[in-house]
N, C-alpha and C. Protein backbone atom coordinates (compact mmCIF):
# COMPACT_ATOMS: atom_id res chain seq x y z
N MET A 1 -5.26 -0.78 16.57
CA MET A 1 -4.81 -0.24 15.52
C MET A 1 -3.80 -0.36 14.92
N PHE A 2 -3.57 -0.07 14.11
CA PHE A 2 -2.16 -0.57 13.28
C PHE A 2 -1.77 -2.28 13.43
N LYS A 3 -2.31 -2.52 13.41
CA LYS A 3 -2.15 -4.06 13.66
C LYS A 3 -2.13 -4.89 12.19
N ASN A 4 -0.36 -5.09 11.94
CA ASN A 4 -0.29 -6.07 10.66
C ASN A 4 -0.64 -4.84 9.83
N PRO A 5 0.32 -3.82 9.91
CA PRO A 5 -0.07 -2.82 8.92
C PRO A 5 0.81 -2.98 7.40
N PHE A 6 1.61 -4.14 6.95
CA PHE A 6 2.01 -4.14 5.73
C PHE A 6 1.26 -4.98 5.21
N SER A 7 0.07 -6.15 5.83
CA SER A 7 -0.82 -6.96 5.34
C SER A 7 -1.77 -6.51 4.25
N PHE A 8 -2.21 -7.58 3.37
CA PHE A 8 -3.15 -7.01 2.78
C PHE A 8 -4.76 -7.35 3.16
N ASN A 9 -4.50 -8.56 4.06
CA ASN A 9 -5.68 -9.05 4.67
C ASN A 9 -6.58 -8.21 5.93
N GLY A 10 -7.67 -8.62 5.67
CA GLY A 10 -8.21 -7.80 6.57
C GLY A 10 -9.12 -6.59 6.55
N ARG A 11 -9.91 -5.97 7.33
CA ARG A 11 -10.06 -4.51 7.39
C ARG A 11 -9.78 -3.43 8.70
N ILE A 12 -9.99 -2.51 7.66
CA ILE A 12 -9.74 -1.06 9.16
C ILE A 12 -10.88 -0.25 8.76
N ARG A 13 -10.86 1.05 9.68
CA ARG A 13 -11.46 1.87 9.85
C ARG A 13 -11.06 3.47 9.31
N ARG A 14 -12.02 3.75 9.34
CA ARG A 14 -11.65 5.54 8.34
C ARG A 14 -10.49 5.94 8.96
N THR A 15 -10.49 5.91 10.27
CA THR A 15 -9.24 6.87 11.40
C THR A 15 -8.16 6.19 11.04
N GLU A 16 -8.11 4.96 10.97
CA GLU A 16 -7.18 4.17 10.94
C GLU A 16 -5.94 4.41 9.76
N TYR A 17 -7.60 4.62 8.12
CA TYR A 17 -6.89 4.98 6.96
C TYR A 17 -6.19 6.29 6.93
N GLY A 18 -6.81 7.28 7.53
CA GLY A 18 -6.77 8.73 7.41
C GLY A 18 -5.22 8.65 8.23
N LEU A 19 -5.06 8.21 9.37
CA LEU A 19 -3.70 8.51 9.85
C LEU A 19 -2.59 7.67 9.34
N SER A 20 -3.12 6.42 8.39
CA SER A 20 -1.96 5.87 7.45
C SER A 20 -1.69 7.01 6.30
N TYR A 21 -2.79 7.58 6.36
CA TYR A 21 -2.42 8.44 4.87
C TYR A 21 -1.44 9.75 5.44
N LEU A 22 -1.89 9.93 6.63
CA LEU A 22 -0.90 11.10 7.31
C LEU A 22 0.81 10.73 7.35
N ILE A 23 0.96 9.26 7.78
CA ILE A 23 2.21 8.83 7.85
C ILE A 23 2.60 8.87 6.49
N TYR A 24 1.91 8.30 5.03
CA TYR A 24 2.95 8.15 4.13
C TYR A 24 3.15 9.47 3.52
N CYS A 25 2.31 10.97 3.97
CA CYS A 25 2.75 12.01 3.75
C CYS A 25 3.68 11.98 4.20
N PHE A 26 3.83 12.21 5.76
CA PHE A 26 5.15 12.14 5.93
C PHE A 26 6.39 11.64 5.41
N ALA A 27 6.14 10.70 5.41
CA ALA A 27 7.43 9.76 4.89
C ALA A 27 7.88 10.20 3.51
N TYR A 28 7.00 10.63 2.83
CA TYR A 28 6.82 10.58 1.16
C TYR A 28 7.54 12.19 0.92
N PHE A 29 6.88 13.13 1.73
CA PHE A 29 8.13 14.23 2.07
C PHE A 29 9.63 14.43 2.98
N LEU A 30 9.70 13.11 3.57
CA LEU A 30 11.18 13.05 4.14
C LEU A 30 12.15 12.68 2.64
N PHE A 31 10.89 11.93 2.19
CA PHE A 31 11.89 11.10 0.88
C PHE A 31 12.34 12.17 0.00
N ILE A 32 11.66 13.29 -0.42
CA ILE A 32 12.03 14.71 -1.64
C ILE A 32 12.91 15.63 -0.92
N GLY A 33 12.45 15.44 0.41
CA GLY A 33 13.94 16.42 1.10
C GLY A 33 15.52 15.44 0.90
N ILE A 34 14.92 14.07 1.02
CA ILE A 34 16.08 13.23 1.28
C ILE A 34 17.06 12.90 -0.19
N VAL A 35 16.03 12.90 -1.39
CA VAL A 35 16.45 12.67 -2.72
C VAL A 35 16.85 14.17 -2.87
N ASP A 36 16.46 15.19 -2.95
CA ASP A 36 17.17 16.76 -3.17
C ASP A 36 18.26 16.82 -2.99
N SER A 37 19.20 15.91 -2.22
CA SER A 37 20.57 16.40 -2.00
C SER A 37 21.22 16.14 -2.82
N PRO A 38 22.30 16.20 -3.04
CA PRO A 38 22.88 15.83 -4.39
C PRO A 38 24.07 15.05 -4.70
N ASN A 39 24.16 14.00 -3.00
CA ASN A 39 25.17 12.95 -2.90
C ASN A 39 24.21 11.50 -3.44
N GLN A 40 25.10 10.64 -3.95
CA GLN A 40 24.67 9.76 -4.21
C GLN A 40 23.55 8.54 -3.15
N THR A 41 24.49 9.11 -1.93
CA THR A 41 24.08 7.83 -0.81
C THR A 41 22.62 8.35 -0.34
N SER A 42 22.60 9.53 -0.19
CA SER A 42 21.13 10.30 0.20
C SER A 42 20.48 9.83 -0.87
N SER A 43 19.79 9.37 -1.83
CA SER A 43 19.24 9.08 -2.92
C SER A 43 18.60 7.63 -2.81
N LEU A 44 20.10 6.59 -2.31
CA LEU A 44 19.83 5.09 -1.80
C LEU A 44 18.59 5.25 -0.58
N ILE A 45 19.00 6.25 0.32
CA ILE A 45 18.53 6.03 1.80
C ILE A 45 16.83 6.76 1.43
N GLY A 46 16.88 7.54 0.80
CA GLY A 46 15.08 7.81 0.18
C GLY A 46 14.65 7.32 -0.60
N LEU A 47 15.18 5.98 -1.50
CA LEU A 47 14.30 4.37 -1.88
C LEU A 47 14.37 3.58 -0.66
N ILE A 48 15.28 3.70 -0.13
CA ILE A 48 14.91 2.80 1.63
C ILE A 48 14.13 3.18 2.19
N ILE A 49 13.49 4.50 2.04
CA ILE A 49 12.03 4.66 3.11
C ILE A 49 11.27 4.37 1.91
N LEU A 50 11.35 5.06 0.88
CA LEU A 50 9.98 5.42 -0.44
C LEU A 50 9.32 3.99 -0.40
N ILE A 51 10.17 2.63 -0.69
CA ILE A 51 9.40 1.41 -0.86
C ILE A 51 8.05 0.79 0.09
N PRO A 52 9.15 0.90 1.36
CA PRO A 52 8.14 0.20 2.27
C PRO A 52 7.12 1.31 2.76
N SER A 53 7.32 2.56 2.49
CA SER A 53 5.95 3.39 2.47
C SER A 53 4.97 3.19 1.23
N LEU A 54 5.49 3.11 0.20
CA LEU A 54 4.38 2.81 -0.15
C LEU A 54 3.83 1.32 -0.22
N TRP A 55 4.48 0.65 0.26
CA TRP A 55 3.92 -0.70 0.81
C TRP A 55 2.95 -0.54 1.10
N PHE A 56 2.88 0.23 2.75
CA PHE A 56 2.55 0.20 3.37
C PHE A 56 1.20 1.40 3.25
N ILE A 57 0.83 2.27 2.36
CA ILE A 57 0.16 2.96 1.82
C ILE A 57 -0.84 1.56 1.01
N ILE A 58 -0.20 1.04 0.19
CA ILE A 58 -1.20 0.24 -0.54
C ILE A 58 -1.81 -1.00 -0.04
N ALA A 59 -1.29 -1.20 0.98
CA ALA A 59 -1.72 -2.34 1.84
C ALA A 59 -3.00 -1.54 2.97
N GLN A 60 -2.61 -0.87 3.51
CA GLN A 60 -3.66 -0.27 4.29
C GLN A 60 -5.08 0.45 3.34
N GLY A 61 -4.73 1.13 2.01
CA GLY A 61 -5.85 0.68 1.22
C GLY A 61 -6.68 -0.08 0.73
N ALA A 62 -5.92 -1.23 0.42
CA ALA A 62 -6.51 -2.78 0.24
C ALA A 62 -7.45 -3.03 1.32
N LYS A 63 -7.34 -2.53 2.62
CA LYS A 63 -7.67 -3.01 4.39
C LYS A 63 -9.10 -2.29 4.22
N ARG A 64 -8.73 -0.92 3.74
CA ARG A 64 -10.02 -0.15 3.21
C ARG A 64 -10.75 -0.02 2.72
N CYS A 65 -10.61 -0.86 1.67
CA CYS A 65 -11.45 -1.27 0.47
C CYS A 65 -12.16 -2.38 1.12
N HIS A 66 -11.23 -3.29 1.59
CA HIS A 66 -12.50 -4.42 2.52
C HIS A 66 -13.37 -3.83 3.04
N ASP A 67 -12.97 -2.99 3.58
CA ASP A 67 -14.25 -2.69 4.99
C ASP A 67 -15.31 -2.00 3.97
N ARG A 68 -15.36 -1.49 2.93
CA ARG A 68 -16.31 -1.07 1.67
C ARG A 68 -17.03 -2.78 1.13
N GLY A 69 -16.60 -3.64 1.47
CA GLY A 69 -16.56 -4.51 0.70
C GLY A 69 -16.26 -4.60 -0.79
N ASN A 70 -15.47 -3.78 -1.51
CA ASN A 70 -14.81 -4.10 -2.39
C ASN A 70 -13.13 -4.82 -2.44
N SER A 71 -12.91 -4.81 -3.48
CA SER A 71 -11.45 -5.21 -4.07
C SER A 71 -10.81 -4.82 -3.61
N GLY A 72 -8.83 -5.04 -3.69
CA GLY A 72 -8.77 -3.99 -3.06
C GLY A 72 -7.85 -2.91 -4.14
N TRP A 73 -8.17 -3.64 -5.01
CA TRP A 73 -7.94 -3.14 -6.51
C TRP A 73 -8.71 -1.73 -7.13
N TYR A 74 -9.73 -1.72 -5.98
CA TYR A 74 -10.74 -0.61 -6.23
C TYR A 74 -9.81 0.88 -5.92
N GLN A 75 -8.89 0.90 -5.08
CA GLN A 75 -7.98 1.74 -4.91
C GLN A 75 -7.42 2.61 -6.13
N ILE A 76 -7.20 2.05 -7.11
CA ILE A 76 -6.17 2.44 -8.38
C ILE A 76 -7.72 3.02 -9.17
N ILE A 77 -8.72 3.60 -8.82
CA ILE A 77 -9.62 4.29 -9.63
C ILE A 77 -9.50 5.35 -9.05
N PRO A 78 -9.25 6.81 -10.22
CA PRO A 78 -9.65 7.77 -9.66
C PRO A 78 -10.31 8.46 -8.34
N PHE A 79 -9.63 9.30 -7.12
CA PHE A 79 -10.53 9.97 -6.21
C PHE A 79 -11.29 9.08 -5.53
N TYR A 80 -11.10 7.65 -5.44
CA TYR A 80 -11.73 6.79 -4.87
C TYR A 80 -11.19 6.53 -3.02
N GLY A 81 -9.92 6.72 -3.13
CA GLY A 81 -9.07 7.22 -2.16
C GLY A 81 -10.14 8.19 -1.07
N LEU A 82 -10.41 9.21 -1.64
CA LEU A 82 -11.16 10.05 -0.75
C LEU A 82 -12.69 9.91 -0.52
N TRP A 83 -13.13 8.78 -1.27
CA TRP A 83 -14.56 7.98 -1.07
C TRP A 83 -14.28 7.15 0.53
N MET A 84 -12.85 6.48 0.15
CA MET A 84 -12.45 5.81 0.98
C MET A 84 -12.18 6.30 2.45
N LEU A 85 -12.11 7.55 2.63
CA LEU A 85 -12.07 8.46 3.58
C LEU A 85 -13.20 8.88 4.72
N PHE A 86 -14.16 9.02 3.83
CA PHE A 86 -15.44 9.37 3.81
C PHE A 86 -16.67 8.68 4.15
N ALA A 87 -16.81 7.84 3.68
CA ALA A 87 -18.00 6.53 3.39
C ALA A 87 -17.35 5.43 4.51
N SER A 88 -18.65 4.98 5.02
CA SER A 88 -18.55 4.17 6.04
C SER A 88 -18.78 3.19 5.24
N GLY A 89 -18.02 1.96 6.04
CA GLY A 89 -17.73 0.77 5.75
C GLY A 89 -19.30 0.03 6.00
N ASP A 90 -18.82 -1.40 5.72
CA ASP A 90 -20.28 -2.20 6.21
C ASP A 90 -20.15 -2.73 7.36
N SER A 91 -21.44 -2.93 7.21
CA SER A 91 -21.72 -2.96 9.02
C SER A 91 -21.75 -4.58 9.27
N GLY A 92 -21.12 -4.96 10.20
CA GLY A 92 -21.21 -6.38 10.72
C GLY A 92 -19.76 -7.29 9.65
N ASP A 93 -20.19 -8.37 9.77
CA ASP A 93 -18.92 -9.30 8.50
C ASP A 93 -19.47 -8.75 7.30
N ASN A 94 -18.47 -9.34 6.62
CA ASN A 94 -18.50 -9.31 4.78
C ASN A 94 -17.30 -10.26 4.66
N MET A 95 -17.29 -10.83 3.60
CA MET A 95 -16.38 -11.37 3.60
C MET A 95 -14.93 -11.47 3.12
N TYR A 96 -14.72 -10.38 3.83
CA TYR A 96 -13.06 -9.89 4.23
C TYR A 96 -13.07 -9.73 5.66
N GLY A 97 -13.97 -9.97 6.16
CA GLY A 97 -13.32 -10.33 7.87
C GLY A 97 -14.38 -9.73 8.72
N PRO A 98 -14.09 -9.38 10.12
CA PRO A 98 -15.63 -8.82 10.82
C PRO A 98 -14.99 -7.66 10.75
N ASN A 99 -16.29 -7.00 11.15
CA ASN A 99 -16.27 -5.44 11.37
C ASN A 99 -15.06 -5.08 12.54
N PRO A 100 -14.29 -3.79 11.72
CA PRO A 100 -13.19 -3.61 12.67
C PRO A 100 -13.82 -2.52 14.13
N LYS A 101 -15.18 -2.38 13.80
CA LYS A 101 -15.53 -1.11 14.84
C LYS A 101 -15.66 -2.29 16.32
N ILE A 102 -15.78 -3.11 16.44
CA ILE A 102 -16.07 -4.21 17.70
C ILE A 102 -14.83 -4.58 18.01
């Protein structure tokens, strides 16, 4: 679990995607808490936290799309993230790699 979390290659299971989303939500709320303070240094620290966390959740979403047999671009469809969280992936290998359940 969490092998190459910033890579767009491969496939991940629903559990890893769900945990990734929780980590992203934690980082986002940390970002909101830091940016809410009035000094400029905290805004810079907030951006340093936000940019890698956005890369992380987009990469994890792309890998979850790959597990469903779709391109990573599918994650921009409204509510597709919810579908990725509850729908099962392709059984066996697909063009994006081996089954992550094995």
